[in-house]
């Protein structure tokens, strides 16, 4: 599969939902969803979005944020995943892998990831038969789990990027050979809500997944236990692993690990809603619209988004070579 950006006009006559870029906000060992108030949290995360991000976040995030690293200027949500590290095959030390834009050089994005909010599938909406309701202030959820050591569930996948931009097949685990263009990781969140709870003890039970195949397939109707159709949230992240390929000994096992000291099956991501007012709902109400909701969302230049920052709240180095992963032991 070629880059979506390059082939979008050739694949389908209509597109539905939002797709936009977010630059990196910070790399820190914080997790206000799974470990609220803990500073530091168990492992390092790569975070994008609004500058209200901190160790403990409740209520309306958009009311406290003043800027966002995302292209949609009304989106002060926060999106984060675990961080990928390279483990040196000789001395066992670790080095953090950086992210690069899904399409290198596009619109000045710095690192970060690409976010999707789709209504039914990527090629069309179904809003007349299946209205989509925006998330509410205070909403949060996770997908995947670092405790999983086997094949992750549908929608959590890896692809080995080639130098020509070809993504190759979707895989349930990290690639077993060097990837010239980096490792492409996708996180699809569930889209059916119980209509009551903004969160749940496991941060997942208030949501339900009806998708049974990878990619952006048609979304079946929500069950009676979770009757409210929400936007389908998806992250796409490219980890710049190519710079470490020369240190990957031919025939040796995959040398990349997640920041929780786990491999492919434990891939996971967190989401905290923070859109301003009814901005996301306006976009979800638009029929057969893509990218900016037919102009219903205000965009900002990425050089403006890149100026949004947060302070280092942990006081911990995450760049360089480490004897062990941050949070997993002492570091050099």
C-alpha atoms as a PDB file:
ATOM      1  CA  UNK A   1       0.000   0.000   0.000  1.00  0.00           C
ATOM      2  CA  UNK A   2       1.412   3.393  -0.990  1.00  0.00           C
ATOM      3  CA  UNK A   3       1.220   6.503   1.133  1.00  0.00           C
ATOM      4  CA  UNK A   4      -2.422   7.439   1.655  1.00  0.00           C
ATOM      5  CA  UNK A   5      -1.613  11.081   0.974  1.00  0.00           C
ATOM      6  CA  UNK A   6      -0.245  10.315  -2.473  1.00  0.00           C
ATOM      7  CA  UNK A   7      -3.037   8.028  -3.604  1.00  0.00           C
ATOM      8  CA  UNK A   8      -6.136   9.463  -1.969  1.00  0.00           C
ATOM      9  CA  UNK A   9      -7.633  10.833  -5.180  1.00  0.00           C
ATOM     10  CA  UNK A  10      -7.195   7.501  -6.948  1.00  0.00           C
ATOM     11  CA  UNK A  11      -8.644   5.149  -4.356  1.00  0.00           C
ATOM     12  CA  UNK A  12     -12.164   6.420  -3.669  1.00  0.00           C
ATOM     13  CA  UNK A  13     -14.497   9.134  -4.955  1.00  0.00           C
ATOM     14  CA  UNK A  14     -15.521  10.304  -1.463  1.00  0.00           C
ATOM     15  CA  UNK A  15     -13.974  10.370   1.980  1.00  0.00           C
ATOM     16  CA  UNK A  16     -15.473  10.793   5.416  1.00  0.00           C
ATOM     17  CA  UNK A  17     -14.074  12.004   8.704  1.00  0.00           C
ATOM     18  CA  UNK A  18     -11.027  13.948   9.825  1.00  0.00           C
ATOM     19  CA  UNK A  19      -7.346  13.286   9.285  1.00  0.00           C
ATOM     20  CA  UNK A  20      -4.673  15.646  10.566  1.00  0.00           C
ATOM     21  CA  UNK A  21      -1.141  15.852  11.844  1.00  0.00           C
ATOM     22  CA  UNK A  22       0.124  16.568  15.343  1.00  0.00           C
ATOM     23  CA  UNK A  23       3.737  17.375  16.165  1.00  0.00           C
ATOM     24  CA  UNK A  24       5.405  15.934  19.234  1.00  0.00           C
ATOM     25  CA  UNK A  25       4.535  17.795  22.440  1.00  0.00           C
ATOM     26  CA  UNK A  26       6.869  15.908  24.785  1.00  0.00           C
ATOM     27  CA  UNK A  27       8.444  12.601  25.772  1.00  0.00           C
ATOM     28  CA  UNK A  28       7.869  12.045  29.479  1.00  0.00           C
ATOM     29  CA  UNK A  29       7.181   9.286  32.001  1.00  0.00           C
ATOM     30  CA  UNK A  30       3.626  10.413  32.729  1.00  0.00           C
ATOM     31  CA  UNK A  31       0.223   8.778  32.197  1.00  0.00           C
ATOM     32  CA  UNK A  32      -2.773  10.766  33.525  1.00  0.00           C
ATOM     33  CA  UNK A  33      -5.244   8.070  32.397  1.00  0.00           C
ATOM     34  CA  UNK A  34      -3.755   4.829  33.739  1.00  0.00           C
ATOM     35  CA  UNK A  35      -1.666   6.337  36.551  1.00  0.00           C
ATOM     36  CA  UNK A  36      -3.263   9.710  37.379  1.00  0.00           C
ATOM     37  CA  UNK A  37      -1.203  11.796  39.782  1.00  0.00           C
ATOM     38  CA  UNK A  38       1.879   9.569  39.529  1.00  0.00           C
ATOM     39  CA  UNK A  39       5.073  11.430  38.747  1.00  0.00           C
ATOM     40  CA  UNK A  40       6.772   9.525  37.294  1.00  0.00           C
ATOM     41  CA  UNK A  41       4.553   6.839  35.794  1.00  0.00           C
ATOM     42  CA  UNK A  42       5.785   3.352  34.976  1.00  0.00           C
ATOM     43  CA  UNK A  43       7.206   4.011  31.513  1.00  0.00           C
ATOM     44  CA  UNK A  44       7.965   6.756  28.993  1.00  0.00           C
ATOM     45  CA  UNK A  45       5.284   7.998  26.591  1.00  0.00           C
ATOM     46  CA  UNK A  46       5.290   9.986  23.378  1.00  0.00           C
ATOM     47  CA  UNK A  47       2.634  12.703  23.743  1.00  0.00           C
ATOM     48  CA  UNK A  48       1.037  15.097  21.261  1.00  0.00           C
ATOM     49  CA  UNK A  49      -1.763  17.661  21.536  1.00  0.00           C
ATOM     50  CA  UNK A  50      -2.695  20.369  24.015  1.00  0.00           C
ATOM     51  CA  UNK A  51      -0.456  21.989  26.604  1.00  0.00           C
ATOM     52  CA  UNK A  52      -2.795  21.183  29.510  1.00  0.00           C
ATOM     53  CA  UNK A  53      -1.077  17.789  29.631  1.00  0.00           C
ATOM     54  CA  UNK A  54       0.232  16.897  33.094  1.00  0.00           C
ATOM     55  CA  UNK A  55       0.307  14.049  35.607  1.00  0.00           C
ATOM     56  CA  UNK A  56      -3.292  14.563  36.703  1.00  0.00           C
ATOM     57  CA  UNK A  57      -6.027  15.696  34.291  1.00  0.00           C
ATOM     58  CA  UNK A  58      -9.751  15.899  35.044  1.00  0.00           C
ATOM     59  CA  UNK A  59     -12.746  17.778  33.682  1.00  0.00           C
ATOM     60  CA  UNK A  60     -12.694  19.912  30.552  1.00  0.00           C
ATOM     61  CA  UNK A  61      -9.141  19.779  29.189  1.00  0.00           C
ATOM     62  CA  UNK A  62      -9.927  22.382  26.526  1.00  0.00           C
ATOM     63  CA  UNK A  63     -10.730  24.959  29.212  1.00  0.00           C
ATOM     64  CA  UNK A  64      -7.150  24.808  30.533  1.00  0.00           C
ATOM     65  CA  UNK A  65      -5.091  24.418  27.368  1.00  0.00           C
ATOM     66  CA  UNK A  66      -3.850  27.505  25.540  1.00  0.00           C
ATOM     67  CA  UNK A  67      -2.218  25.842  22.521  1.00  0.00           C
ATOM     68  CA  UNK A  68      -1.943  22.520  20.710  1.00  0.00           C
ATOM     69  CA  UNK A  69       0.651  20.758  18.569  1.00  0.00           C
ATOM     70  CA  UNK A  70      -2.156  19.487  16.324  1.00  0.00           C
ATOM     71  CA  UNK A  71      -3.076  21.025  12.988  1.00  0.00           C
ATOM     72  CA  UNK A  72      -6.685  21.505  14.065  1.00  0.00           C
ATOM     73  CA  UNK A  73      -6.493  24.566  16.289  1.00  0.00           C
ATOM     74  CA  UNK A  74      -9.702  23.712  18.185  1.00  0.00           C
ATOM     75  CA  UNK A  75      -8.354  20.338  19.255  1.00  0.00           C
ATOM     76  CA  UNK A  76      -6.688  20.453  22.685  1.00  0.00           C
ATOM     77  CA  UNK A  77      -7.002  16.684  23.190  1.00  0.00           C
ATOM     78  CA  UNK A  78      -3.981  14.627  24.173  1.00  0.00           C
ATOM     79  CA  UNK A  79      -2.886  11.508  22.344  1.00  0.00           C
ATOM     80  CA  UNK A  80      -0.054   9.282  23.541  1.00  0.00           C
ATOM     81  CA  UNK A  81       1.603   5.910  23.085  1.00  0.00           C
ATOM     82  CA  UNK A  82       4.476   3.992  24.623  1.00  0.00           C
ATOM     83  CA  UNK A  83       7.909   4.822  23.191  1.00  0.00           C
ATOM     84  CA  UNK A  84      10.007   2.528  21.030  1.00  0.00           C
ATOM     85  CA  UNK A  85      13.630   1.890  22.049  1.00  0.00           C
ATOM     86  CA  UNK A  86      16.539   0.232  20.271  1.00  0.00           C
ATOM     87  CA  UNK A  87      18.343  -2.364  22.392  1.00  0.00           C
ATOM     88  CA  UNK A  88      21.990  -2.649  21.391  1.00  0.00           C
ATOM     89  CA  UNK A  89      22.678  -6.284  20.463  1.00  0.00           C
ATOM     90  CA  UNK A  90      26.209  -6.203  21.906  1.00  0.00           C
ATOM     91  CA  UNK A  91      26.175  -4.256  25.173  1.00  0.00           C
ATOM     92  CA  UNK A  92      22.433  -4.343  25.914  1.00  0.00           C
ATOM     93  CA  UNK A  93      22.062  -0.560  26.279  1.00  0.00           C
ATOM     94  CA  UNK A  94      18.942   1.273  25.104  1.00  0.00           C
ATOM     95  CA  UNK A  95      18.397   4.318  22.895  1.00  0.00           C
ATOM     96  CA  UNK A  96      15.057   6.049  22.359  1.00  0.00           C
ATOM     97  CA  UNK A  97      13.737   5.994  18.788  1.00  0.00           C
ATOM     98  CA  UNK A  98      12.289   9.269  17.507  1.00  0.00           C
ATOM     99  CA  UNK A  99       9.122   9.643  15.458  1.00  0.00           C
ATOM    100  CA  UNK A 100       8.919  11.165  12.004  1.00  0.00           C
ATOM    101  CA  UNK A 101       5.826  12.444  10.158  1.00  0.00           C
ATOM    102  CA  UNK A 102       3.738   9.799   8.409  1.00  0.00           C
ATOM    103  CA  UNK A 103       4.610  11.652   5.224  1.00  0.00           C
ATOM    104  CA  UNK A 104       8.141  13.072   5.715  1.00  0.00           C
ATOM    105  CA  UNK A 105       8.344  16.834   5.306  1.00  0.00           C
ATOM    106  CA  UNK A 106       4.586  17.365   5.113  1.00  0.00           C
ATOM    107  CA  UNK A 107       3.468  20.797   6.347  1.00  0.00           C
ATOM    108  CA  UNK A 108       6.391  21.201   8.733  1.00  0.00           C
ATOM    109  CA  UNK A 109       5.271  18.557  11.236  1.00  0.00           C
ATOM    110  CA  UNK A 110       7.963  17.757  13.807  1.00  0.00           C
ATOM    111  CA  UNK A 111       7.884  14.098  14.796  1.00  0.00           C
ATOM    112  CA  UNK A 112       4.409  13.431  16.144  1.00  0.00           C
ATOM    113  CA  UNK A 113       1.698  11.246  14.671  1.00  0.00           C
ATOM    114  CA  UNK A 114      -1.381  11.382  12.435  1.00  0.00           C
ATOM    115  CA  UNK A 115      -4.884  11.279  13.953  1.00  0.00           C
ATOM    116  CA  UNK A 116      -8.121  10.103  12.332  1.00  0.00           C
ATOM    117  CA  UNK A 117     -11.730  10.581  13.440  1.00  0.00           C
ATOM    118  CA  UNK A 118     -13.970   8.630  11.067  1.00  0.00           C
ATOM    119  CA  UNK A 119     -17.742   8.172  11.129  1.00  0.00           C
ATOM    120  CA  UNK A 120     -18.332   4.767   9.521  1.00  0.00           C
ATOM    121  CA  UNK A 121     -15.283   3.889   7.467  1.00  0.00           C
ATOM    122  CA  UNK A 122     -12.626   5.896   5.661  1.00  0.00           C
ATOM    123  CA  UNK A 123     -14.382   6.062   2.298  1.00  0.00           C
ATOM    124  CA  UNK A 124     -17.894   7.064   3.355  1.00  0.00           C
ATOM    125  CA  UNK A 125     -20.062   8.010   6.306  1.00  0.00           C
ATOM    126  CA  UNK A 126     -23.320   6.518   7.524  1.00  0.00           C
ATOM    127  CA  UNK A 127     -24.565   9.422   9.616  1.00  0.00           C
ATOM    128  CA  UNK A 128     -28.194   9.336   8.412  1.00  0.00           C
ATOM    129  CA  UNK A 129     -28.650   5.770   9.647  1.00  0.00           C
ATOM    130  CA  UNK A 130     -26.070   5.858  12.422  1.00  0.00           C
ATOM    131  CA  UNK A 131     -25.545   9.360  13.903  1.00  0.00           C
ATOM    132  CA  UNK A 132     -22.135   9.977  15.451  1.00  0.00           C
ATOM    133  CA  UNK A 133     -21.981  11.683  18.828  1.00  0.00           C
ATOM    134  CA  UNK A 134     -18.892  13.598  19.900  1.00  0.00           C
ATOM    135  CA  UNK A 135     -17.024  12.651  23.049  1.00  0.00           C
ATOM    136  CA  UNK A 136     -17.776  14.752  26.135  1.00  0.00           C
ATOM    137  CA  UNK A 137     -15.423  16.811  28.340  1.00  0.00           C
ATOM    138  CA  UNK A 138     -13.591  14.517  30.731  1.00  0.00           C
ATOM    139  CA  UNK A 139     -13.782  11.496  28.411  1.00  0.00           C
ATOM    140  CA  UNK A 140     -10.766   9.209  28.161  1.00  0.00           C
ATOM    141  CA  UNK A 141      -9.977   5.679  26.996  1.00  0.00           C
ATOM    142  CA  UNK A 142      -7.140   3.309  26.177  1.00  0.00           C
ATOM    143  CA  UNK A 143      -6.614   0.571  23.623  1.00  0.00           C
ATOM    144  CA  UNK A 144      -4.265  -2.397  23.962  1.00  0.00           C
ATOM    145  CA  UNK A 145      -2.320  -3.331  27.084  1.00  0.00           C
ATOM    146  CA  UNK A 146       1.369  -3.597  28.005  1.00  0.00           C
ATOM    147  CA  UNK A 147       0.587  -6.880  29.774  1.00  0.00           C
ATOM    148  CA  UNK A 148      -0.234  -8.631  26.492  1.00  0.00           C
ATOM    149  CA  UNK A 149       2.625 -10.835  25.306  1.00  0.00           C
ATOM    150  CA  UNK A 150       0.849 -12.632  22.466  1.00  0.00           C
ATOM    151  CA  UNK A 151      -0.896 -11.358  19.340  1.00  0.00           C
ATOM    152  CA  UNK A 152      -2.661  -8.027  20.014  1.00  0.00           C
ATOM    153  CA  UNK A 153      -6.311  -7.657  19.057  1.00  0.00           C
ATOM    154  CA  UNK A 154      -7.534  -6.351  15.725  1.00  0.00           C
ATOM    155  CA  UNK A 155      -6.567  -2.782  14.808  1.00  0.00           C
ATOM    156  CA  UNK A 156      -3.210  -2.774  16.588  1.00  0.00           C
ATOM    157  CA  UNK A 157      -0.707  -3.432  13.847  1.00  0.00           C
ATOM    158  CA  UNK A 158       2.809  -2.903  12.487  1.00  0.00           C
ATOM    159  CA  UNK A 159       4.107  -2.318   8.975  1.00  0.00           C
ATOM    160  CA  UNK A 160       7.669  -2.327   7.667  1.00  0.00           C
ATOM    161  CA  UNK A 161       8.149   0.807   5.592  1.00  0.00           C
ATOM    162  CA  UNK A 162      10.291   0.635   2.481  1.00  0.00           C
ATOM    163  CA  UNK A 163      12.408   3.478   1.135  1.00  0.00           C
ATOM    164  CA  UNK A 164       9.867   4.076  -1.647  1.00  0.00           C
ATOM    165  CA  UNK A 165       7.037   4.615   0.883  1.00  0.00           C
ATOM    166  CA  UNK A 166       5.447   1.197   0.434  1.00  0.00           C
ATOM    167  CA  UNK A 167       4.035   0.108   3.797  1.00  0.00           C
ATOM    168  CA  UNK A 168       3.824  -3.601   3.088  1.00  0.00           C
ATOM    169  CA  UNK A 169       1.498  -5.989   4.881  1.00  0.00           C
ATOM    170  CA  UNK A 170       0.026  -5.315   8.324  1.00  0.00           C
ATOM    171  CA  UNK A 171       1.591  -7.526  11.001  1.00  0.00           C
ATOM    172  CA  UNK A 172       0.630  -8.312  14.613  1.00  0.00           C
ATOM    173  CA  UNK A 173       4.215  -7.964  15.846  1.00  0.00           C
ATOM    174  CA  UNK A 174       7.330  -5.911  15.250  1.00  0.00           C
ATOM    175  CA  UNK A 175       9.116  -6.610  11.947  1.00  0.00           C
ATOM    176  CA  UNK A 176      11.730  -9.363  11.972  1.00  0.00           C
ATOM    177  CA  UNK A 177      14.051  -7.582   9.539  1.00  0.00           C
ATOM    178  CA  UNK A 178      15.316  -3.998   9.129  1.00  0.00           C
ATOM    179  CA  UNK A 179      12.851  -1.512   7.632  1.00  0.00           C
ATOM    180  CA  UNK A 180      14.464   1.111   5.326  1.00  0.00           C
ATOM    181  CA  UNK A 181      11.702   3.673   5.947  1.00  0.00           C
ATOM    182  CA  UNK A 182      11.023   2.967   9.628  1.00  0.00           C
ATOM    183  CA  UNK A 183       8.364   1.032  11.518  1.00  0.00           C
ATOM    184  CA  UNK A 184       4.751   2.131  10.991  1.00  0.00           C
ATOM    185  CA  UNK A 185       2.418   1.518  13.956  1.00  0.00           C
ATOM    186  CA  UNK A 186      -1.387   1.829  13.945  1.00  0.00           C
ATOM    187  CA  UNK A 187      -3.760   2.068  16.919  1.00  0.00           C
ATOM    188  CA  UNK A 188      -7.517   1.804  16.232  1.00  0.00           C
ATOM    189  CA  UNK A 189      -9.736   2.615  19.220  1.00  0.00           C
ATOM    190  CA  UNK A 190     -13.246   1.211  19.791  1.00  0.00           C
ATOM    191  CA  UNK A 191     -16.148   3.452  18.741  1.00  0.00           C
ATOM    192  CA  UNK A 192     -19.230   2.327  20.720  1.00  0.00           C
ATOM    193  CA  UNK A 193     -19.907   4.027  24.074  1.00  0.00           C
ATOM    194  CA  UNK A 194     -22.138   2.897  26.947  1.00  0.00           C
ATOM    195  CA  UNK A 195     -23.637   6.393  27.004  1.00  0.00           C
ATOM    196  CA  UNK A 196     -22.972   6.863  30.714  1.00  0.00           C
ATOM    197  CA  UNK A 197     -19.349   6.645  31.805  1.00  0.00           C
ATOM    198  CA  UNK A 198     -16.553   8.987  30.762  1.00  0.00           C
ATOM    199  CA  UNK A 199     -14.078   6.373  31.973  1.00  0.00           C
ATOM    200  CA  UNK A 200     -14.053   2.897  33.526  1.00  0.00           C
ATOM    201  CA  UNK A 201     -11.702   1.130  35.969  1.00  0.00           C
ATOM    202  CA  UNK A 202      -9.813  -0.564  33.129  1.00  0.00           C
ATOM    203  CA  UNK A 203     -10.267   2.504  30.855  1.00  0.00           C
ATOM    204  CA  UNK A 204     -11.793   0.261  28.188  1.00  0.00           C
ATOM    205  CA  UNK A 205     -15.037  -1.308  29.433  1.00  0.00           C
ATOM    206  CA  UNK A 206     -17.098   1.843  28.799  1.00  0.00           C
ATOM    207  CA  UNK A 207     -16.299   1.339  25.109  1.00  0.00           C
ATOM    208  CA  UNK A 208     -16.995  -1.567  22.738  1.00  0.00           C
ATOM    209  CA  UNK A 209     -15.314  -2.561  19.483  1.00  0.00           C
ATOM    210  CA  UNK A 210     -17.459  -3.833  16.604  1.00  0.00           C
ATOM    211  CA  UNK A 211     -14.621  -3.984  14.065  1.00  0.00           C
ATOM    212  CA  UNK A 212     -13.373  -7.481  13.264  1.00  0.00           C
ATOM    213  CA  UNK A 213     -10.740  -6.767  10.601  1.00  0.00           C
ATOM    214  CA  UNK A 214      -7.769  -4.452  10.204  1.00  0.00           C
ATOM    215  CA  UNK A 215      -7.736  -1.149   8.366  1.00  0.00           C
ATOM    216  CA  UNK A 216     -10.765   1.160   8.136  1.00  0.00           C
ATOM    217  CA  UNK A 217     -13.637  -1.283   7.384  1.00  0.00           C
ATOM    218  CA  UNK A 218     -17.354  -0.604   7.664  1.00  0.00           C
ATOM    219  CA  UNK A 219     -18.357  -0.269  11.310  1.00  0.00           C
ATOM    220  CA  UNK A 220     -21.230  -2.615  12.311  1.00  0.00           C
ATOM    221  CA  UNK A 221     -24.003  -1.238  14.499  1.00  0.00           C
ATOM    222  CA  UNK A 222     -23.306  -0.734  18.190  1.00  0.00           C
ATOM    223  CA  UNK A 223     -24.736  -3.278  20.681  1.00  0.00           C
ATOM    224  CA  UNK A 224     -27.459  -2.412  23.201  1.00  0.00           C
ATOM    225  CA  UNK A 225     -24.898  -2.418  26.015  1.00  0.00           C
ATOM    226  CA  UNK A 226     -22.916   0.330  24.253  1.00  0.00           C
ATOM    227  CA  UNK A 227     -25.523   1.966  21.997  1.00  0.00           C
ATOM    228  CA  UNK A 228     -23.878   5.320  21.249  1.00  0.00           C
ATOM    229  CA  UNK A 229     -21.770   5.590  18.102  1.00  0.00           C
ATOM    230  CA  UNK A 230     -18.682   7.728  18.715  1.00  0.00           C
ATOM    231  CA  UNK A 231     -16.015   8.754  16.214  1.00  0.00           C
ATOM    232  CA  UNK A 232     -13.556   6.004  15.311  1.00  0.00           C
ATOM    233  CA  UNK A 233     -10.233   7.350  16.616  1.00  0.00           C
ATOM    234  CA  UNK A 234      -7.027   6.060  15.027  1.00  0.00           C
ATOM    235  CA  UNK A 235      -3.350   6.956  15.448  1.00  0.00           C
ATOM    236  CA  UNK A 236      -0.638   6.345  12.863  1.00  0.00           C
ATOM    237  CA  UNK A 237       2.972   6.711  14.033  1.00  0.00           C
ATOM    238  CA  UNK A 238       6.233   6.205  12.162  1.00  0.00           C
ATOM    239  CA  UNK A 239       9.236   5.317  14.311  1.00  0.00           C
ATOM    240  CA  UNK A 240      12.549   6.333  12.711  1.00  0.00           C
ATOM    241  CA  UNK A 241      14.254   2.979  13.182  1.00  0.00           C
ATOM    242  CA  UNK A 242      16.311   3.174   9.964  1.00  0.00           C
ATOM    243  CA  UNK A 243      19.216   4.964  11.673  1.00  0.00           C
ATOM    244  CA  UNK A 244      19.733   1.882  13.871  1.00  0.00           C
ATOM    245  CA  UNK A 245      19.602  -0.685  11.069  1.00  0.00           C
ATOM    246  CA  UNK A 246      23.382  -0.762  10.648  1.00  0.00           C
ATOM    247  CA  UNK A 247      23.644  -2.056  14.228  1.00  0.00           C
ATOM    248  CA  UNK A 248      21.067  -4.803  13.636  1.00  0.00           C
ATOM    249  CA  UNK A 249      23.206  -7.898  13.125  1.00  0.00           C
ATOM    250  CA  UNK A 250      22.099  -9.894  10.113  1.00  0.00           C
ATOM    251  CA  UNK A 251      19.880 -12.779  11.169  1.00  0.00           C
ATOM    252  CA  UNK A 252      19.625 -11.554  14.758  1.00  0.00           C
ATOM    253  CA  UNK A 253      16.221 -11.154  16.478  1.00  0.00           C
ATOM    254  CA  UNK A 254      14.375  -7.849  16.359  1.00  0.00           C
ATOM    255  CA  UNK A 255      16.294  -5.375  18.588  1.00  0.00           C
ATOM    256  CA  UNK A 256      13.416  -2.929  19.215  1.00  0.00           C
ATOM    257  CA  UNK A 257      11.396  -2.938  22.437  1.00  0.00           C
ATOM    258  CA  UNK A 258       8.680  -0.730  23.898  1.00  0.00           C
ATOM    259  CA  UNK A 259       9.370   1.522  26.885  1.00  0.00           C
ATOM    260  CA  UNK A 260       7.544  -0.918  29.190  1.00  0.00           C
ATOM    261  CA  UNK A 261      10.219  -3.462  28.273  1.00  0.00           C
ATOM    262  CA  UNK A 262       7.822  -5.367  26.090  1.00  0.00           C
ATOM    263  CA  UNK A 263       7.615  -6.407  22.459  1.00  0.00           C
ATOM    264  CA  UNK A 264       4.910  -6.196  19.806  1.00  0.00           C
ATOM    265  CA  UNK A 265       1.875  -7.672  21.535  1.00  0.00           C
ATOM    266  CA  UNK A 266       1.835  -5.052  24.277  1.00  0.00           C
ATOM    267  CA  UNK A 267       1.418  -2.065  21.975  1.00  0.00           C
ATOM    268  CA  UNK A 268      -1.129   0.365  23.425  1.00  0.00           C
ATOM    269  CA  UNK A 269      -2.306   3.962  23.298  1.00  0.00           C
ATOM    270  CA  UNK A 270      -4.216   6.497  25.418  1.00  0.00           C
ATOM    271  CA  UNK A 271      -6.726   9.174  24.442  1.00  0.00           C
ATOM    272  CA  UNK A 272      -8.046  12.154  26.394  1.00  0.00           C
ATOM    273  CA  UNK A 273     -10.740  14.253  24.728  1.00  0.00           C
ATOM    274  CA  UNK A 274     -10.194  17.998  24.627  1.00  0.00           C
ATOM    275  CA  UNK A 275     -11.939  19.551  21.613  1.00  0.00           C
ATOM    276  CA  UNK A 276     -13.242  23.077  22.115  1.00  0.00           C
ATOM    277  CA  UNK A 277     -17.012  23.485  22.310  1.00  0.00           C
ATOM    278  CA  UNK A 278     -18.893  21.661  19.546  1.00  0.00           C
ATOM    279  CA  UNK A 279     -16.012  21.665  17.050  1.00  0.00           C
ATOM    280  CA  UNK A 280     -15.721  17.881  16.754  1.00  0.00           C
ATOM    281  CA  UNK A 281     -19.497  17.427  16.606  1.00  0.00           C
ATOM    282  CA  UNK A 282     -19.705  19.933  13.726  1.00  0.00           C
ATOM    283  CA  UNK A 283     -17.199  17.907  11.764  1.00  0.00           C
ATOM    284  CA  UNK A 284     -18.962  14.606  12.495  1.00  0.00           C
ATOM    285  CA  UNK A 285     -22.247  16.107  11.269  1.00  0.00           C
ATOM    286  CA  UNK A 286     -20.761  16.812   7.840  1.00  0.00           C
ATOM    287  CA  UNK A 287     -21.625  14.294   5.154  1.00  0.00           C
ATOM    288  CA  UNK A 288     -18.870  12.795   2.977  1.00  0.00           C
ATOM    289  CA  UNK A 289     -16.228  15.233   4.207  1.00  0.00           C
ATOM    290  CA  UNK A 290     -12.588  14.525   4.808  1.00  0.00           C
ATOM    291  CA  UNK A 291      -9.513  16.161   6.345  1.00  0.00           C
ATOM    292  CA  UNK A 292     -11.044  19.318   7.885  1.00  0.00           C
ATOM    293  CA  UNK A 293     -14.756  18.488   7.915  1.00  0.00           C
ATOM    294  CA  UNK A 294     -15.452  20.537   4.774  1.00  0.00           C
ATOM    295  CA  UNK A 295     -13.939  23.578   6.432  1.00  0.00           C
ATOM    296  CA  UNK A 296     -15.895  23.215   9.675  1.00  0.00           C
ATOM    297  CA  UNK A 297     -12.628  23.035  11.650  1.00  0.00           C
ATOM    298  CA  UNK A 298     -10.122  25.873  11.900  1.00  0.00           C
ATOM    299  CA  UNK A 299      -6.605  24.833  10.907  1.00  0.00           C
ATOM    300  CA  UNK A 300      -3.328  26.350  12.034  1.00  0.00           C
ATOM    301  CA  UNK A 301       0.058  26.305  10.345  1.00  0.00           C
ATOM    302  CA  UNK A 302       2.323  23.610  11.715  1.00  0.00           C
ATOM    303  CA  UNK A 303       5.043  26.168  12.415  1.00  0.00           C
ATOM    304  CA  UNK A 304       2.555  27.694  14.854  1.00  0.00           C
ATOM    305  CA  UNK A 305       1.639  24.299  16.303  1.00  0.00           C
ATOM    306  CA  UNK A 306       5.333  23.530  16.800  1.00  0.00           C
ATOM    307  CA  UNK A 307       5.664  26.438  19.217  1.00  0.00           C
ATOM    308  CA  UNK A 308       3.339  24.742  21.717  1.00  0.00           C
ATOM    309  CA  UNK A 309       5.292  23.145  24.572  1.00  0.00           C
ATOM    310  CA  UNK A 310       5.001  21.850  28.125  1.00  0.00           C
ATOM    311  CA  UNK A 311       7.661  21.876  30.826  1.00  0.00           C
ATOM    312  CA  UNK A 312       9.658  18.844  31.883  1.00  0.00           C
ATOM    313  CA  UNK A 313       7.602  17.673  34.854  1.00  0.00           C
ATOM    314  CA  UNK A 314       9.611  14.520  35.597  1.00  0.00           C
ATOM    315  CA  UNK A 315      13.169  15.818  35.384  1.00  0.00           C
ATOM    316  CA  UNK A 316      14.444  12.674  33.712  1.00  0.00           C
ATOM    317  CA  UNK A 317      16.617  12.234  30.656  1.00  0.00           C
ATOM    318  CA  UNK A 318      14.994  10.274  27.847  1.00  0.00           C
ATOM    319  CA  UNK A 319      17.628  10.899  25.136  1.00  0.00           C
ATOM    320  CA  UNK A 320      20.926   9.047  24.874  1.00  0.00           C
ATOM    321  CA  UNK A 321      22.142   5.570  25.710  1.00  0.00           C
ATOM    322  CA  UNK A 322      20.795   3.950  28.892  1.00  0.00           C
ATOM    323  CA  UNK A 323      21.883   0.847  30.786  1.00  0.00           C
ATOM    324  CA  UNK A 324      18.210   0.118  31.353  1.00  0.00           C
ATOM    325  CA  UNK A 325      14.907   1.600  30.246  1.00  0.00           C
ATOM    326  CA  UNK A 326      13.736   4.652  32.256  1.00  0.00           C
ATOM    327  CA  UNK A 327      11.635   3.356  35.124  1.00  0.00           C
ATOM    328  CA  UNK A 328      13.075  -0.148  34.800  1.00  0.00           C
ATOM    329  CA  UNK A 329      16.366   0.433  36.655  1.00  0.00           C
ATOM    330  CA  UNK A 330      19.389   2.729  36.748  1.00  0.00           C
ATOM    331  CA  UNK A 331      20.536   4.575  33.633  1.00  0.00           C
ATOM    332  CA  UNK A 332      23.861   5.872  32.407  1.00  0.00           C
END
